[in-house]
Amino acid sequence: MEQVYGVRHLVLAEGWGVRRAAREFGISRNTVRRYLAGAEPGVRKRAARPRPVLERVRGRLDEILEDSKAWTQGKQRLTATQLHRMLVGEGHAVGVTVVKAYVAEWKRQRREVFVPLDYPPGDLGEMDFFEVFVDVAGQRRKAFLFVVRLMCSGRDFAWLYPRQDQVCFLDGHVRAFAHFAGVPHRLLYDNLRAAVVRVLVGSQRELTVRMQALAAHYAFEPCFARPGTGHDKGGVESRGRAIRWQHLVPIPSGPDLETISQDLLERLDRQAETQRDHRGLTIAERFAEERDHFLELPARPFRATAAHLVHVSPRSLVRIEGGWYSVPCTWAGLELTAYVGPHTVEIVGPDDRIGHARVRFGERSIRYRHYLRELARKPQAVRQIAHRLVPELGEPFVSLWQRLLDEHEPREAARRLAHVLGAIVRLGEPRVAIEIGHALAHGTSLALALAEIASPPPKLAPDRLPPSVAGIEVLAASARDYDALLEVAS
């Protein structure tokens, strides 16, 4: 810059000629003229060079690159090397360097430019699932991390689920909105099957019935990213990766997913209290400002379940999403309604509701209490499943079964236990448990106790008693008492 200043001063201020200034500074006269015109040293406009080889194949290059969209997809893309090979095969004399430079410039001109966005408070949240691994009850298994990120404050909600289906998708929203104590006005999603039936023109989507119900219940606007463009919701994409690296390494462990999820959420909340932005505000402080702009929560939460109409098989089982669940054998052959949640299944029958823990595809959840009526008539079946049934019944039936096995062979023990199950069906489990417990505690004969339970003494209804003896209560049995009763009756 000093040279430019000296040249301009001598020529413009002191009247030196261009030749004399060039000789003084040891530069060319053209350089002096450029400095006088305002040019800077070292900055020269490069003259366009003719490229005859490229011009001969430019049209064919453009044609192949445009046509390749029809016969390539995903990671199976056309490379510059392959394009050069195609041109040479067609008889074009062109170097691979020319083709690579042209393809790089062609891609640069078509590369998407990202617009820096601004997020008003309470306006937008982004949601996504992420595949992770956790140790549940000492066993390593795959889980799915549900994440909602509020784009204004940066507050996160995360929860772990055993599967990535619609009921887990719905339950994640219910938990997230309850945790935030409000609902953002818009939520941005991928085009996942839990929410979208069909991608229409532009931003239009045909939503699933349950997604429509969720959006209507909480009054938020569902928005969707363009297909194949995960960067449309880059906030939650990057945050999901960060949560995996920062909070799920080493791999977390716990007795169940509920415990692991609660611990993860607490750590995210603690991080929100300490992490600060360029203004010195923590995430929690920004969230406190954003919360005033949320939609209010409805009076009751959305029921995050999927309803299924199911048929009860002759085995008194219903099949729901590939899993089998038992119901009382009196329901066999009925058509019922089942409500599937993230972790539980509730089956509604004519006189009761049966709950099961949700099982994986092909697994079974069977409670042999549901089969007591049939087992009372099938001692061999009792022998086959006693090791499962007795722990369900608990004490004193566990001790009873052990004593029966000690005193009898397995077949006879199963027959006697079948008599007890029949008594449970007729008299109810509490009364039979009392009688069995009394017999075991006092060492009385189990055969007599089982016989009394299996054949309870007949009872006469009070309205069938003669008026002369109605209302008389016999506290103890003795011949003298019966004589007194006979005298009164006569």
Protein backbone atom coordinates (compact mmCIF):
# COMPACT_ATOMS: atom_id res chain seq x y z
CA MET A 1 0.00 0.00 0.00
CA GLU A 2 2.96 2.34 0.60
CA GLN A 3 4.02 1.87 -3.01
CA VAL A 4 0.52 2.74 -4.25
CA TYR A 5 0.47 5.85 -2.07
CA GLY A 6 3.95 6.93 -3.33
CA VAL A 7 3.04 6.46 -7.01
CA ARG A 8 -0.26 8.32 -6.69
CA HIS A 9 1.36 11.16 -4.72
CA LEU A 10 4.23 11.70 -7.16
CA VAL A 11 2.04 11.55 -10.27
CA LEU A 12 -1.12 13.26 -9.05
CA ALA A 13 0.29 15.70 -6.49
CA GLU A 14 3.78 16.51 -7.81
CA GLY A 15 3.11 16.07 -11.50
CA TRP A 16 5.57 13.32 -12.31
CA GLY A 17 5.11 11.42 -15.55
CA VAL A 18 4.14 7.74 -15.74
CA ARG A 19 7.53 6.78 -17.23
CA ARG A 20 9.48 8.61 -14.49
CA ALA A 21 7.33 7.08 -11.68
CA ALA A 22 7.76 3.60 -13.14
CA ARG A 23 11.54 4.05 -13.33
CA GLU A 24 11.63 5.44 -9.77
CA PHE A 25 9.76 2.50 -8.23
CA GLY A 26 11.05 -0.22 -10.57
CA ILE A 27 7.64 -1.21 -11.85
CA SER A 28 6.01 -1.24 -15.28
CA ARG A 29 4.10 1.70 -16.70
CA ASN A 30 0.94 -0.47 -16.84
CA THR A 31 1.26 -1.06 -13.12
CA VAL A 32 1.54 2.70 -12.55
CA ARG A 33 -1.61 3.25 -14.62
CA ARG A 34 -3.48 0.59 -12.60
CA TYR A 35 -2.46 2.26 -9.32
CA LEU A 36 -3.68 5.58 -10.68
CA ALA A 37 -6.98 3.92 -11.59
CA GLY A 38 -7.42 2.72 -7.99
CA ALA A 39 -6.16 -0.87 -8.22
CA GLU A 40 -4.42 -2.51 -5.23
CA PRO A 41 -1.03 -4.26 -5.41
CA GLY A 42 -1.21 -8.02 -6.03
CA VAL A 43 -4.85 -7.88 -7.17
CA ARG A 44 -5.17 -8.53 -10.86
CA LYS A 45 -8.23 -9.54 -12.78
CA ARG A 46 -7.47 -12.85 -14.38
CA ALA A 47 -8.28 -12.91 -18.03
CA ALA A 48 -10.60 -15.66 -19.16
CA ARG A 49 -8.67 -18.40 -20.90
CA PRO A 50 -10.17 -20.29 -23.78
CA ARG A 51 -11.04 -23.92 -22.99
CA PRO A 52 -11.71 -25.59 -26.32
CA VAL A 53 -11.72 -29.18 -24.99
CA LEU A 54 -14.32 -28.36 -22.35
CA GLU A 55 -16.46 -26.43 -24.78
CA ARG A 56 -16.62 -29.45 -27.10
CA VAL A 57 -18.03 -31.74 -24.37
CA ARG A 58 -19.91 -29.23 -22.18
CA GLY A 59 -23.27 -30.03 -23.75
CA ARG A 60 -22.82 -33.77 -23.35
CA LEU A 61 -21.63 -33.33 -19.75
CA ASP A 62 -24.75 -31.34 -18.84
CA GLU A 63 -26.97 -33.88 -20.58
CA ILE A 64 -25.52 -36.87 -18.72
CA LEU A 65 -25.57 -35.10 -15.34
CA GLU A 66 -29.23 -34.18 -15.72
CA ASP A 67 -30.24 -37.62 -17.02
CA SER A 68 -28.39 -39.37 -14.18
CA LYS A 69 -31.15 -38.37 -11.75
CA ALA A 70 -33.35 -41.02 -13.37
CA TRP A 71 -30.88 -43.91 -13.08
CA THR A 72 -29.14 -43.15 -9.77
CA GLN A 73 -30.48 -42.93 -6.24
CA GLY A 74 -29.23 -42.50 -2.69
CA LYS A 75 -25.62 -43.56 -2.30
CA GLN A 76 -25.51 -45.11 -5.77
CA ARG A 77 -24.36 -41.87 -7.40
CA LEU A 78 -22.55 -40.96 -10.59
CA THR A 79 -18.92 -40.07 -9.91
CA ALA A 80 -16.71 -37.81 -12.00
CA THR A 81 -14.40 -40.74 -12.78
CA GLN A 82 -17.30 -42.82 -14.06
CA LEU A 83 -18.55 -39.85 -16.09
CA HIS A 84 -15.11 -39.47 -17.69
CA ARG A 85 -15.11 -43.16 -18.55
CA MET A 86 -18.50 -42.79 -20.24
CA LEU A 87 -17.29 -39.82 -22.32
CA VAL A 88 -14.16 -41.63 -23.45
CA GLY A 89 -16.31 -44.62 -24.37
CA GLU A 90 -18.39 -42.35 -26.60
CA GLY A 91 -15.25 -41.18 -28.42
CA HIS A 92 -14.69 -37.81 -26.70
CA ALA A 93 -11.05 -36.83 -26.16
CA VAL A 94 -11.11 -35.20 -22.75
CA GLY A 95 -8.94 -35.48 -19.66
CA VAL A 96 -10.23 -36.70 -16.31
CA THR A 97 -9.02 -33.50 -14.59
CA VAL A 98 -11.24 -31.36 -16.84
CA VAL A 99 -14.26 -33.54 -16.07
CA LYS A 100 -13.63 -33.51 -12.31
CA ALA A 101 -13.26 -29.72 -12.24
CA TYR A 102 -16.46 -29.26 -14.25
CA VAL A 103 -18.47 -31.67 -12.06
CA ALA A 104 -17.25 -29.91 -8.89
CA GLU A 105 -18.36 -26.53 -10.24
CA TRP A 106 -21.67 -28.02 -11.47
CA LYS A 107 -22.40 -29.34 -7.97
CA ARG A 108 -21.30 -26.10 -6.29
CA GLN A 109 -23.76 -24.06 -8.32
CA ARG A 110 -26.60 -26.41 -7.34
CA ARG A 111 -25.65 -26.86 -3.70
CA GLU A 112 -28.35 -25.80 -1.25
CA VAL A 113 -27.69 -22.62 0.71
CA PHE A 114 -29.02 -22.67 4.26
CA VAL A 115 -30.91 -19.66 5.56
CA PRO A 116 -30.08 -18.57 9.12
CA LEU A 117 -33.40 -18.83 10.97
CA ASP A 118 -34.85 -16.99 13.93
CA TYR A 119 -37.09 -18.72 16.47
CA PRO A 120 -39.69 -16.65 18.35
CA PRO A 121 -40.38 -17.80 21.94
CA GLY A 122 -42.83 -20.67 22.18
CA ASP A 123 -43.09 -21.06 18.42
CA LEU A 124 -41.26 -24.21 17.34
CA GLY A 125 -40.13 -27.54 18.72
CA GLU A 126 -38.43 -30.34 16.78
CA MET A 127 -38.91 -34.07 17.42
CA ASP A 128 -37.08 -37.24 16.40
CA PHE A 129 -36.25 -40.82 17.45
CA PHE A 130 -32.67 -42.09 17.87
CA GLU A 131 -31.47 -45.67 18.19
CA VAL A 132 -29.40 -46.31 21.34
CA PHE A 133 -28.30 -49.19 23.57
CA VAL A 134 -28.98 -49.59 27.30
CA ASP A 135 -28.44 -52.27 29.95
CA VAL A 136 -31.82 -53.29 31.40
CA ALA A 137 -31.67 -55.66 34.39
CA GLY A 138 -28.14 -56.66 33.41
CA GLN A 139 -28.99 -57.39 29.77
CA ARG A 140 -27.88 -55.14 26.90
CA ARG A 141 -30.72 -54.28 24.53
CA LYS A 142 -31.67 -51.79 21.87
CA ALA A 143 -33.91 -48.87 22.79
CA PHE A 144 -35.25 -45.79 21.04
CA LEU A 145 -34.57 -42.30 22.37
CA PHE A 146 -37.48 -39.90 21.89
CA VAL A 147 -36.23 -36.27 21.86
CA VAL A 148 -38.11 -32.96 21.69
CA ARG A 149 -36.01 -29.79 21.45
CA LEU A 150 -37.42 -26.29 21.93
CA MET A 151 -35.64 -24.20 19.32
CA CYS A 152 -35.85 -20.83 21.07
CA SER A 153 -34.58 -21.73 24.54
CA GLY A 154 -32.73 -24.97 23.68
CA ARG A 155 -34.58 -26.91 26.40
CA ASP A 156 -34.68 -30.69 25.78
CA PHE A 157 -36.97 -33.55 26.71
CA ALA A 158 -35.80 -37.14 26.26
CA TRP A 159 -37.35 -40.52 27.09
CA LEU A 160 -36.44 -44.13 26.24
CA TYR A 161 -38.85 -46.61 24.69
CA PRO A 162 -38.55 -50.31 23.80
CA ARG A 163 -39.87 -49.72 20.29
CA GLN A 164 -40.43 -46.96 17.76
CA ASP A 165 -44.15 -47.23 17.08
CA GLN A 166 -47.16 -44.98 17.20
CA VAL A 167 -48.11 -45.46 20.86
CA CYS A 168 -44.55 -44.64 21.98
CA PHE A 169 -44.62 -41.63 19.64
CA LEU A 170 -47.88 -40.44 21.25
CA ASP A 171 -46.74 -41.16 24.80
CA GLY A 172 -43.55 -39.17 24.22
CA HIS A 173 -45.60 -36.09 23.35
CA VAL A 174 -47.79 -36.45 26.42
CA ARG A 175 -44.74 -36.73 28.68
CA ALA A 176 -42.89 -33.88 26.94
CA PHE A 177 -45.80 -31.43 27.18
CA ALA A 178 -46.33 -32.32 30.85
CA HIS A 179 -42.61 -31.78 31.53
CA PHE A 180 -42.60 -28.40 29.77
CA ALA A 181 -45.94 -27.45 31.40
CA GLY A 182 -47.05 -26.14 28.02
CA VAL A 183 -47.22 -26.81 24.30
CA PRO A 184 -45.23 -25.06 21.54
CA HIS A 185 -47.33 -23.66 18.72
CA ARG A 186 -45.63 -25.81 16.08
CA LEU A 187 -43.75 -29.12 16.04
CA LEU A 188 -41.49 -30.24 13.18
CA TYR A 189 -41.19 -33.93 12.26
CA ASP A 190 -39.77 -36.33 9.74
CA ASN A 191 -42.34 -38.05 7.54
CA LEU A 192 -42.55 -40.98 9.96
CA ARG A 193 -45.31 -43.58 9.63
CA ALA A 194 -46.64 -42.89 13.12
CA ALA A 195 -47.78 -39.47 11.89
CA VAL A 196 -48.02 -39.51 8.09
CA VAL A 197 -50.12 -41.74 5.87
CA ARG A 198 -49.13 -40.10 2.58
CA VAL A 199 -46.85 -37.27 1.45
CA LEU A 200 -48.84 -34.91 -0.75
CA VAL A 201 -47.78 -31.87 -2.78
CA GLY A 202 -45.34 -29.49 -1.10
CA SER A 203 -45.79 -29.32 2.65
CA GLN A 204 -49.19 -31.02 2.60
CA ARG A 205 -49.50 -34.37 4.39
CA GLU A 206 -52.27 -36.87 4.99
CA LEU A 207 -52.04 -37.56 8.73
CA THR A 208 -52.87 -40.71 10.64
CA VAL A 209 -56.06 -40.68 12.69
CA ARG A 210 -54.20 -40.71 16.01
CA MET A 211 -51.86 -37.92 14.89
CA GLN A 212 -54.87 -35.80 13.98
CA ALA A 213 -56.37 -36.53 17.40
CA LEU A 214 -53.11 -35.60 19.18
CA ALA A 215 -52.77 -32.30 17.31
CA ALA A 216 -56.44 -31.45 17.91
CA HIS A 217 -56.20 -32.29 21.63
CA TYR A 218 -53.20 -30.02 22.24
CA ALA A 219 -54.06 -27.48 19.47
CA PHE A 220 -50.54 -27.36 17.99
CA GLU A 221 -49.65 -27.27 14.29
CA PRO A 222 -47.76 -30.33 12.98
CA CYS A 223 -45.13 -29.44 10.36
CA PHE A 224 -42.98 -31.83 8.33
CA ALA A 225 -39.52 -31.75 6.80
CA ARG A 226 -38.98 -32.34 3.12
CA PRO A 227 -38.52 -36.05 2.32
CA GLY A 228 -34.87 -37.06 2.45
CA THR A 229 -33.68 -33.78 4.02
CA GLY A 230 -32.92 -34.38 7.68
CA HIS A 231 -31.18 -31.00 7.93
CA ASP A 232 -34.62 -29.31 7.81
CA LYS A 233 -34.72 -30.11 11.54
CA GLY A 234 -31.01 -29.93 12.20
CA GLY A 235 -31.53 -28.67 15.75
CA VAL A 236 -32.93 -31.93 17.10
CA GLU A 237 -30.65 -34.00 14.85
CA SER A 238 -27.52 -32.48 16.34
CA ARG A 239 -28.95 -32.49 19.86
CA GLY A 240 -29.85 -36.18 19.64
CA ARG A 241 -26.26 -37.02 18.75
CA ALA A 242 -24.99 -34.83 21.58
CA ILE A 243 -27.26 -36.56 24.12
CA ARG A 244 -25.93 -39.94 23.02
CA TRP A 245 -22.33 -38.80 23.42
CA GLN A 246 -22.72 -36.72 26.58
CA HIS A 247 -25.27 -38.71 28.61
CA LEU A 248 -25.40 -42.26 27.22
CA VAL A 249 -21.66 -43.01 27.37
CA PRO A 250 -20.85 -45.19 29.21
CA ILE A 251 -23.99 -47.17 28.37
CA PRO A 252 -26.54 -46.47 31.14
CA SER A 253 -28.01 -49.30 33.19
CA GLY A 254 -31.01 -49.76 35.42
CA PRO A 255 -33.77 -52.19 36.43
CA ASP A 256 -36.08 -50.90 33.68
CA LEU A 257 -36.37 -48.26 30.97
CA GLU A 258 -38.52 -46.06 33.20
CA THR A 259 -35.71 -45.69 35.75
CA ILE A 260 -33.04 -45.07 33.10
CA SER A 261 -35.26 -42.49 31.36
CA GLN A 262 -35.97 -40.62 34.58
CA ASP A 263 -32.25 -40.45 35.40
CA LEU A 264 -31.48 -39.16 31.89
CA LEU A 265 -34.15 -36.46 32.13
CA GLU A 266 -32.82 -35.30 35.50
CA ARG A 267 -29.31 -34.94 34.05
CA LEU A 268 -30.65 -32.91 31.12
CA ASP A 269 -32.48 -30.62 33.53
CA ARG A 270 -29.33 -30.13 35.62
CA GLN A 271 -27.40 -29.29 32.48
CA ALA A 272 -30.04 -26.67 31.62
CA GLU A 273 -29.27 -24.94 34.92
CA THR A 274 -25.57 -24.47 34.13
CA GLN A 275 -25.08 -24.22 30.35
CA ARG A 276 -24.97 -20.57 29.21
CA ASP A 277 -25.19 -18.78 25.88
CA HIS A 278 -23.25 -15.77 24.57
CA ARG A 279 -25.43 -13.44 26.65
CA GLY A 280 -24.66 -15.30 29.85
CA LEU A 281 -28.19 -16.74 30.18
CA THR A 282 -28.67 -20.38 31.09
CA ILE A 283 -31.03 -22.65 29.17
CA ALA A 284 -33.33 -22.70 32.20
CA GLU A 285 -33.50 -18.88 32.24
CA ARG A 286 -34.29 -18.75 28.52
CA PHE A 287 -36.92 -21.46 29.02
CA ALA A 288 -38.55 -19.44 31.81
CA GLU A 289 -39.00 -16.58 29.33
CA GLU A 290 -40.27 -18.89 26.60
CA ARG A 291 -42.79 -20.71 28.78
CA ASP A 292 -45.09 -17.68 28.93
CA HIS A 293 -45.62 -17.99 25.17
CA PHE A 294 -46.69 -21.65 25.15
CA LEU A 295 -50.18 -22.95 24.51
CA GLU A 296 -51.88 -24.02 27.73
CA LEU A 297 -52.19 -27.68 28.57
CA PRO A 298 -55.72 -29.12 28.27
CA ALA A 299 -57.58 -30.19 31.41
CA ARG A 300 -56.72 -33.87 30.85
CA PRO A 301 -53.77 -35.48 29.06
CA PHE A 302 -54.17 -37.27 25.76
CA ARG A 303 -54.62 -41.03 26.07
CA ALA A 304 -51.56 -42.40 24.33
CA THR A 305 -52.94 -45.78 23.33
CA ALA A 306 -53.97 -47.63 20.20
CA ALA A 307 -57.33 -49.40 20.19
CA HIS A 308 -57.65 -52.89 18.65
CA LEU A 309 -60.66 -55.12 18.13
CA VAL A 310 -59.56 -58.63 19.09
CA HIS A 311 -61.06 -62.13 19.05
CA VAL A 312 -60.57 -64.51 21.98
CA SER A 313 -59.34 -67.87 20.73
CA PRO A 314 -60.48 -71.27 22.11
CA ARG A 315 -57.35 -71.17 24.27
CA SER A 316 -58.64 -67.95 25.83
CA LEU A 317 -55.82 -65.97 24.21
CA VAL A 318 -55.91 -62.78 22.18
CA ARG A 319 -53.26 -61.80 19.65
CA ILE A 320 -52.23 -58.14 19.60
CA GLU A 321 -49.41 -56.92 17.32
CA GLY A 322 -47.84 -60.37 17.26
CA GLY A 323 -47.97 -60.95 21.03
CA TRP A 324 -50.35 -63.31 22.87
CA TYR A 325 -52.23 -62.40 26.07
CA SER A 326 -54.50 -64.51 28.26
CA VAL A 327 -57.98 -63.53 29.43
CA PRO A 328 -60.50 -65.34 31.71
CA CYS A 329 -61.64 -68.58 30.07
CA THR A 330 -65.26 -67.43 30.37
CA TRP A 331 -64.44 -64.87 27.63
CA ALA A 332 -63.43 -67.47 25.04
CA GLY A 333 -65.05 -66.79 21.66
CA LEU A 334 -65.92 -63.15 22.41
CA GLU A 335 -64.96 -60.04 20.45
CA LEU A 336 -63.22 -57.56 22.77
CA THR A 337 -61.46 -54.20 22.69
CA ALA A 338 -57.81 -53.91 23.68
CA TYR A 339 -55.91 -50.68 24.38
CA VAL A 340 -52.17 -50.89 23.68
CA GLY A 341 -49.83 -48.48 25.44
CA PRO A 342 -46.04 -48.16 25.33
CA HIS A 343 -45.54 -50.69 28.14
CA THR A 344 -48.96 -52.18 28.93
CA VAL A 345 -51.95 -53.79 27.24
CA GLU A 346 -55.46 -53.43 28.69
CA ILE A 347 -58.18 -55.81 27.47
CA VAL A 348 -61.77 -54.80 28.22
CA GLY A 349 -64.19 -57.69 28.76
CA PRO A 350 -67.89 -57.92 29.59
CA ASP A 351 -67.32 -57.77 33.35
CA ASP A 352 -63.70 -56.76 33.98
CA ARG A 353 -60.52 -55.18 32.60
CA ILE A 354 -57.39 -57.32 32.30
CA GLY A 355 -53.97 -55.67 32.24
CA HIS A 356 -50.73 -57.21 30.92
CA ALA A 357 -47.18 -56.00 30.46
CA ARG A 358 -46.64 -55.53 26.73
CA VAL A 359 -44.57 -58.30 25.16
CA ARG A 360 -42.49 -58.49 22.00
CA PHE A 361 -43.55 -60.11 18.75
CA GLY A 362 -44.05 -63.86 19.20
CA GLU A 363 -43.91 -63.76 23.03
CA ARG A 364 -46.75 -64.68 25.41
CA SER A 365 -48.11 -63.22 28.63
CA ILE A 366 -50.24 -65.92 30.28
CA ARG A 367 -51.80 -65.83 33.74
CA TYR A 368 -53.02 -69.25 34.75
CA ARG A 369 -55.48 -67.70 37.19
CA HIS A 370 -57.58 -67.09 34.10
CA TYR A 371 -57.93 -70.89 33.62
CA LEU A 372 -58.99 -72.03 37.12
CA ARG A 373 -62.40 -73.26 35.96
CA GLU A 374 -60.85 -75.51 33.32
CA LEU A 375 -57.95 -76.62 35.51
CA ALA A 376 -60.37 -77.80 38.23
CA ARG A 377 -61.61 -80.39 35.73
CA LYS A 378 -58.19 -81.31 34.27
CA PRO A 379 -55.74 -82.61 36.90
CA GLN A 380 -53.17 -83.59 34.25
CA ALA A 381 -53.12 -80.01 32.99
CA VAL A 382 -52.65 -78.86 36.61
CA ARG A 383 -49.61 -81.14 36.89
CA GLN A 384 -48.20 -79.63 33.70
CA ILE A 385 -48.45 -75.96 34.72
CA ALA A 386 -48.37 -76.10 38.54
CA HIS A 387 -44.88 -74.59 38.58
CA ARG A 388 -46.35 -71.47 36.92
CA LEU A 389 -49.78 -71.40 38.60
CA VAL A 390 -48.78 -71.86 42.23
CA PRO A 391 -46.39 -68.85 42.36
CA GLU A 392 -49.21 -66.74 40.87
CA LEU A 393 -51.56 -67.78 43.67
CA GLY A 394 -48.92 -67.16 46.36
CA GLU A 395 -49.18 -68.29 49.96
CA PRO A 396 -50.59 -70.46 51.41
CA PHE A 397 -50.95 -72.30 48.09
CA VAL A 398 -47.17 -72.51 47.59
CA SER A 399 -46.82 -74.31 50.94
CA LEU A 400 -49.87 -76.45 50.17
CA TRP A 401 -48.41 -77.64 46.86
CA GLN A 402 -45.07 -78.44 48.46
CA ARG A 403 -46.79 -80.48 51.19
CA LEU A 404 -48.90 -82.33 48.64
CA LEU A 405 -45.78 -83.24 46.70
CA ASP A 406 -44.12 -84.45 49.92
CA GLU A 407 -47.08 -86.67 50.87
CA HIS A 408 -48.20 -87.93 47.45
CA GLU A 409 -46.92 -88.77 44.03
CA PRO A 410 -47.16 -85.91 41.46
CA ARG A 411 -50.30 -87.25 39.79
CA GLU A 412 -52.22 -87.53 43.08
CA ALA A 413 -50.89 -84.16 44.25
CA ALA A 414 -52.16 -82.55 41.05
CA ARG A 415 -55.58 -84.20 41.52
CA ARG A 416 -55.90 -82.84 45.04
CA LEU A 417 -54.76 -79.38 43.93
CA ALA A 418 -57.44 -79.50 41.23
CA HIS A 419 -60.04 -79.96 44.01
CA VAL A 420 -58.70 -76.81 45.67
CA LEU A 421 -58.94 -74.88 42.40
CA GLY A 422 -62.54 -75.97 42.05
CA ALA A 423 -63.23 -74.64 45.54
CA ILE A 424 -61.63 -71.32 44.59
CA VAL A 425 -63.96 -71.07 41.60
CA ARG A 426 -67.04 -71.75 43.79
CA LEU A 427 -66.16 -70.04 47.06
CA GLY A 428 -63.56 -67.45 46.15
CA GLU A 429 -59.85 -67.39 46.74
CA PRO A 430 -59.87 -65.49 50.10
CA ARG A 431 -62.04 -68.06 51.90
CA VAL A 432 -60.14 -71.04 50.53
CA ALA A 433 -56.82 -69.41 51.45
CA ILE A 434 -58.02 -68.99 55.05
CA GLU A 435 -59.02 -72.65 55.34
CA ILE A 436 -55.78 -73.88 53.80
CA GLY A 437 -53.69 -71.58 55.98
CA HIS A 438 -55.51 -72.74 59.11
CA ALA A 439 -54.92 -76.40 58.25
CA LEU A 440 -51.23 -75.83 57.51
CA ALA A 441 -50.68 -73.76 60.65
CA HIS A 442 -52.33 -76.25 63.03
CA GLY A 443 -51.04 -79.39 61.38
CA THR A 444 -54.51 -80.77 60.77
CA SER A 445 -55.20 -83.30 58.07
CA LEU A 446 -54.97 -81.83 54.62
CA ALA A 447 -57.21 -84.57 53.28
CA LEU A 448 -60.01 -83.50 55.65
CA ALA A 449 -59.44 -79.80 54.95
CA LEU A 450 -59.47 -80.37 51.20
CA ALA A 451 -62.61 -82.52 51.46
CA GLU A 452 -64.42 -79.85 53.46
CA ILE A 453 -63.37 -77.16 50.98
CA ALA A 454 -64.25 -79.27 47.97
CA SER A 455 -67.69 -80.17 49.43
CA PRO A 456 -68.91 -77.27 51.55
CA PRO A 457 -71.89 -78.05 53.84
CA PRO A 458 -75.24 -77.12 52.36
CA LYS A 459 -76.89 -73.99 53.64
CA LEU A 460 -80.60 -73.29 53.97
CA ALA A 461 -81.79 -69.84 53.02
CA PRO A 462 -83.22 -67.86 56.02
CA ASP A 463 -86.62 -67.46 54.34
CA ARG A 464 -86.95 -71.28 54.14
CA LEU A 465 -86.67 -71.81 57.94
CA PRO A 466 -89.82 -72.55 59.99
CA PRO A 467 -90.98 -69.51 62.02
CA SER A 468 -90.43 -71.39 65.30
CA VAL A 469 -86.67 -71.68 64.77
CA ALA A 470 -86.03 -68.54 62.74
CA GLY A 471 -83.56 -66.24 64.44
CA ILE A 472 -82.09 -68.92 66.72
CA GLU A 473 -78.30 -69.11 66.60
CA VAL A 474 -76.53 -72.27 67.75
CA LEU A 475 -73.16 -71.35 69.22
CA ALA A 476 -72.08 -74.89 70.12
CA ALA A 477 -73.31 -78.32 69.21
CA SER A 478 -74.46 -80.49 72.12
CA ALA A 479 -77.36 -82.93 72.77
CA ARG A 480 -78.76 -80.68 75.50
CA ASP A 481 -79.08 -77.74 73.09
CA TYR A 482 -80.92 -79.86 70.56
CA ASP A 483 -83.31 -81.09 73.29
CA ALA A 484 -84.10 -77.50 74.17
CA LEU A 485 -84.76 -76.69 70.57
CA LEU A 486 -87.11 -79.64 70.23
CA GLU A 487 -89.08 -78.52 73.30
CA VAL A 488 -89.47 -75.02 71.83
CA ALA A 489 -90.50 -76.42 68.47
CA SER A 490 -93.15 -78.69 70.03
